[in-house]
Amino acid sequence: MTASPSNVSAACEAPSPVVDPRVEALVNDLIGAVADKWTLLILEELDAAGTLRFTELSRRIGTISQKMLTQTLRAMERNGLVSRTVHPVVPPHVDYRLTPLGLSLGAAFCGVWLWAEENLETVDAARTRFDAR
């Protein structure tokens, strides 16, 4: 499903009736790039800690492989969500920090947490009814 003015809820209407196709393409692209488990967990950890080294970020998330952490951080860096600082020491020391853009995305996802909190019982009941069939 793609996000477009015709199927976005009234609470999240486009700012103007004319939608720039580049904006629509960016929304669709970013949803695929950031609405995944690992990106959300990295956003949460960096938001809570500020700056983290790669190894500390990996330790805090726990279940992520080094390869997936590297791929996700690279994608987040490419999209301007994190900044990467390499310190010229041995062994290499690399820090990650959310950019202002990444912080604003984290704030946007806050709405998902609020929705989940408000609708937990309703979703649980729906799942129970479905699973009982």
C-alpha atoms as a PDB file:
ATOM      1  CA  MET A   1       0.000   0.000   0.000  1.00  0.00           C
ATOM      2  CA  THR A   2       1.287   3.437  -0.793  1.00  0.00           C
ATOM      3  CA  ALA A   3       0.616   6.559   1.200  1.00  0.00           C
ATOM      4  CA  SER A   4      -1.178   9.179  -0.834  1.00  0.00           C
ATOM      5  CA  PRO A   5      -3.661  11.969  -0.121  1.00  0.00           C
ATOM      6  CA  SER A   6      -6.552   9.721  -1.151  1.00  0.00           C
ATOM      7  CA  ASN A   7      -5.883   7.108   1.541  1.00  0.00           C
ATOM      8  CA  VAL A   8      -4.239   9.041   4.362  1.00  0.00           C
ATOM      9  CA  SER A   9      -6.495   9.633   7.348  1.00  0.00           C
ATOM     10  CA  ALA A  10      -8.066  13.039   7.855  1.00  0.00           C
ATOM     11  CA  ALA A  11      -5.815  13.584  10.879  1.00  0.00           C
ATOM     12  CA  CYS A  12      -2.773  13.376   8.626  1.00  0.00           C
ATOM     13  CA  GLU A  13      -3.866  15.318   5.577  1.00  0.00           C
ATOM     14  CA  ALA A  14      -1.365  16.733   3.162  1.00  0.00           C
ATOM     15  CA  PRO A  15      -0.640  20.418   3.865  1.00  0.00           C
ATOM     16  CA  SER A  16      -1.936  21.443   0.445  1.00  0.00           C
ATOM     17  CA  PRO A  17      -4.401  19.871  -1.992  1.00  0.00           C
ATOM     18  CA  VAL A  18      -1.692  19.621  -4.660  1.00  0.00           C
ATOM     19  CA  VAL A  19       0.809  16.933  -3.751  1.00  0.00           C
ATOM     20  CA  ASP A  20       4.299  17.117  -5.158  1.00  0.00           C
ATOM     21  CA  PRO A  21       4.988  13.668  -6.646  1.00  0.00           C
ATOM     22  CA  ARG A  22       8.518  13.900  -5.221  1.00  0.00           C
ATOM     23  CA  VAL A  23       7.054  14.188  -1.700  1.00  0.00           C
ATOM     24  CA  GLU A  24       4.826  11.174  -2.304  1.00  0.00           C
ATOM     25  CA  ALA A  25       7.799   9.196  -3.626  1.00  0.00           C
ATOM     26  CA  LEU A  26       9.896  10.206  -0.597  1.00  0.00           C
ATOM     27  CA  VAL A  27       7.158   9.147   1.829  1.00  0.00           C
ATOM     28  CA  ASN A  28       6.829   5.765   0.133  1.00  0.00           C
ATOM     29  CA  ASP A  29      10.599   5.302   0.011  1.00  0.00           C
ATOM     30  CA  LEU A  30      11.153   6.319   3.627  1.00  0.00           C
ATOM     31  CA  ILE A  31       8.359   4.128   4.951  1.00  0.00           C
ATOM     32  CA  GLY A  32      10.151   1.152   3.419  1.00  0.00           C
ATOM     33  CA  ALA A  33      13.504   2.332   4.739  1.00  0.00           C
ATOM     34  CA  VAL A  34      12.573   3.291   8.299  1.00  0.00           C
ATOM     35  CA  ALA A  35       9.465   1.363   9.252  1.00  0.00           C
ATOM     36  CA  ASP A  36      11.393  -1.747  10.103  1.00  0.00           C
ATOM     37  CA  LYS A  37      12.217  -3.293  13.436  1.00  0.00           C
ATOM     38  CA  TRP A  38      15.923  -2.471  13.450  1.00  0.00           C
ATOM     39  CA  THR A  39      15.629   1.175  12.463  1.00  0.00           C
ATOM     40  CA  LEU A  40      13.026   1.771  15.150  1.00  0.00           C
ATOM     41  CA  LEU A  41      15.172   0.060  17.792  1.00  0.00           C
ATOM     42  CA  ILE A  42      18.258   2.052  16.769  1.00  0.00           C
ATOM     43  CA  LEU A  43      16.233   5.284  16.847  1.00  0.00           C
ATOM     44  CA  GLU A  44      15.038   4.426  20.339  1.00  0.00           C
ATOM     45  CA  GLU A  45      18.507   3.569  21.673  1.00  0.00           C
ATOM     46  CA  LEU A  46      20.220   6.614  20.181  1.00  0.00           C
ATOM     47  CA  ASP A  47      17.421   8.873  21.366  1.00  0.00           C
ATOM     48  CA  ALA A  48      17.828   7.561  24.910  1.00  0.00           C
ATOM     49  CA  ALA A  49      21.627   7.594  24.991  1.00  0.00           C
ATOM     50  CA  GLY A  50      22.629  10.440  22.700  1.00  0.00           C
ATOM     51  CA  THR A  51      25.863   9.058  21.273  1.00  0.00           C
ATOM     52  CA  LEU A  52      26.784   5.382  21.169  1.00  0.00           C
ATOM     53  CA  ARG A  53      29.674   3.385  19.836  1.00  0.00           C
ATOM     54  CA  PHE A  54      28.860   0.606  17.388  1.00  0.00           C
ATOM     55  CA  THR A  55      29.608  -2.109  19.951  1.00  0.00           C
ATOM     56  CA  GLU A  56      27.486  -0.462  22.647  1.00  0.00           C
ATOM     57  CA  LEU A  57      24.595  -0.037  20.231  1.00  0.00           C
ATOM     58  CA  SER A  58      24.896  -3.714  19.282  1.00  0.00           C
ATOM     59  CA  ARG A  59      24.963  -4.739  22.946  1.00  0.00           C
ATOM     60  CA  ARG A  60      21.899  -2.629  23.808  1.00  0.00           C
ATOM     61  CA  ILE A  61      19.824  -4.065  20.965  1.00  0.00           C
ATOM     62  CA  GLY A  62      21.078  -7.567  21.662  1.00  0.00           C
ATOM     63  CA  THR A  63      19.401  -9.605  18.939  1.00  0.00           C
ATOM     64  CA  ILE A  64      20.797  -7.774  15.901  1.00  0.00           C
ATOM     65  CA  SER A  65      23.683  -9.220  13.905  1.00  0.00           C
ATOM     66  CA  GLN A  66      26.713  -7.053  13.149  1.00  0.00           C
ATOM     67  CA  LYS A  67      25.887  -7.255   9.445  1.00  0.00           C
ATOM     68  CA  MET A  68      22.293  -6.069   9.962  1.00  0.00           C
ATOM     69  CA  LEU A  69      23.389  -3.309  12.341  1.00  0.00           C
ATOM     70  CA  THR A  70      25.949  -2.104   9.801  1.00  0.00           C
ATOM     71  CA  GLN A  71      23.429  -2.183   6.932  1.00  0.00           C
ATOM     72  CA  THR A  72      20.766  -0.398   8.952  1.00  0.00           C
ATOM     73  CA  LEU A  73      23.139   2.291  10.205  1.00  0.00           C
ATOM     74  CA  ARG A  74      24.406   2.890   6.648  1.00  0.00           C
ATOM     75  CA  ALA A  75      20.843   3.277   5.383  1.00  0.00           C
ATOM     76  CA  MET A  76      20.035   5.626   8.244  1.00  0.00           C
ATOM     77  CA  GLU A  77      23.178   7.649   7.527  1.00  0.00           C
ATOM     78  CA  ARG A  78      22.302   7.810   3.816  1.00  0.00           C
ATOM     79  CA  ASN A  79      18.836   9.134   4.702  1.00  0.00           C
ATOM     80  CA  GLY A  80      20.330  11.751   7.018  1.00  0.00           C
ATOM     81  CA  LEU A  81      18.994  10.189  10.225  1.00  0.00           C
ATOM     82  CA  VAL A  82      22.315   9.464  11.947  1.00  0.00           C
ATOM     83  CA  SER A  83      25.752  10.979  11.905  1.00  0.00           C
ATOM     84  CA  ARG A  84      28.814   8.754  12.036  1.00  0.00           C
ATOM     85  CA  THR A  85      32.047   9.947  13.600  1.00  0.00           C
ATOM     86  CA  VAL A  86      35.230   7.931  13.144  1.00  0.00           C
ATOM     87  CA  HIS A  87      37.964   8.593  15.699  1.00  0.00           C
ATOM     88  CA  PRO A  88      41.499   7.912  14.361  1.00  0.00           C
ATOM     89  CA  VAL A  89      42.606   5.517  17.084  1.00  0.00           C
ATOM     90  CA  VAL A  90      43.554   1.859  17.235  1.00  0.00           C
ATOM     91  CA  PRO A  91      41.278  -0.031  17.408  1.00  0.00           C
ATOM     92  CA  PRO A  92      38.874   2.148  15.426  1.00  0.00           C
ATOM     93  CA  HIS A  93      36.325   4.029  17.505  1.00  0.00           C
ATOM     94  CA  VAL A  94      33.093   4.917  15.689  1.00  0.00           C
ATOM     95  CA  ASP A  95      30.263   6.894  17.287  1.00  0.00           C
ATOM     96  CA  TYR A  96      26.693   7.224  16.077  1.00  0.00           C
ATOM     97  CA  ARG A  97      24.287  10.007  16.980  1.00  0.00           C
ATOM     98  CA  LEU A  98      20.849  10.998  15.738  1.00  0.00           C
ATOM     99  CA  THR A  99      20.784  14.077  13.546  1.00  0.00           C
ATOM    100  CA  PRO A 100      18.030  16.661  14.010  1.00  0.00           C
ATOM    101  CA  LEU A 101      16.216  14.850  11.194  1.00  0.00           C
ATOM    102  CA  GLY A 102      16.548  11.529  13.047  1.00  0.00           C
ATOM    103  CA  LEU A 103      15.320  13.116  16.266  1.00  0.00           C
ATOM    104  CA  SER A 104      12.265  14.481  14.466  1.00  0.00           C
ATOM    105  CA  LEU A 105      11.528  11.042  12.999  1.00  0.00           C
ATOM    106  CA  GLY A 106      11.745   9.543  16.479  1.00  0.00           C
ATOM    107  CA  ALA A 107       9.228  12.111  17.659  1.00  0.00           C
ATOM    108  CA  ALA A 108       6.926  11.179  14.774  1.00  0.00           C
ATOM    109  CA  PHE A 109       7.072   7.510  15.773  1.00  0.00           C
ATOM    110  CA  CYS A 110       6.051   8.528  19.279  1.00  0.00           C
ATOM    111  CA  GLY A 111       2.512   8.653  17.896  1.00  0.00           C
ATOM    112  CA  VAL A 112       2.704   4.940  17.101  1.00  0.00           C
ATOM    113  CA  TRP A 113       3.597   4.191  20.737  1.00  0.00           C
ATOM    114  CA  LEU A 114       0.675   6.318  21.938  1.00  0.00           C
ATOM    115  CA  TRP A 115      -1.674   4.556  19.532  1.00  0.00           C
ATOM    116  CA  ALA A 116      -0.438   1.135  20.680  1.00  0.00           C
ATOM    117  CA  GLU A 117      -0.920   2.085  24.306  1.00  0.00           C
ATOM    118  CA  GLU A 118      -4.461   3.322  23.656  1.00  0.00           C
ATOM    119  CA  ASN A 119      -5.439   0.308  21.531  1.00  0.00           C
ATOM    120  CA  LEU A 120      -3.598  -2.586  23.187  1.00  0.00           C
ATOM    121  CA  GLU A 121      -6.717  -4.229  24.607  1.00  0.00           C
ATOM    122  CA  THR A 122      -8.662  -3.838  21.362  1.00  0.00           C
ATOM    123  CA  VAL A 123      -5.860  -5.375  19.283  1.00  0.00           C
ATOM    124  CA  ASP A 124      -5.421  -8.228  21.793  1.00  0.00           C
ATOM    125  CA  ALA A 125      -9.173  -8.953  21.651  1.00  0.00           C
ATOM    126  CA  ALA A 126      -9.159  -8.923  17.836  1.00  0.00           C
ATOM    127  CA  ARG A 127      -6.203 -11.320  17.756  1.00  0.00           C
ATOM    128  CA  THR A 128      -7.881 -13.641  20.249  1.00  0.00           C
ATOM    129  CA  ARG A 129     -11.095 -13.700  18.161  1.00  0.00           C
ATOM    130  CA  PHE A 130      -9.116 -14.349  14.980  1.00  0.00           C
ATOM    131  CA  ASP A 131      -6.985 -17.107  16.522  1.00  0.00           C
ATOM    132  CA  ALA A 132     -10.077 -18.839  17.926  1.00  0.00           C
ATOM    133  CA  ARG A 133     -11.513 -19.368  14.425  1.00  0.00           C
END
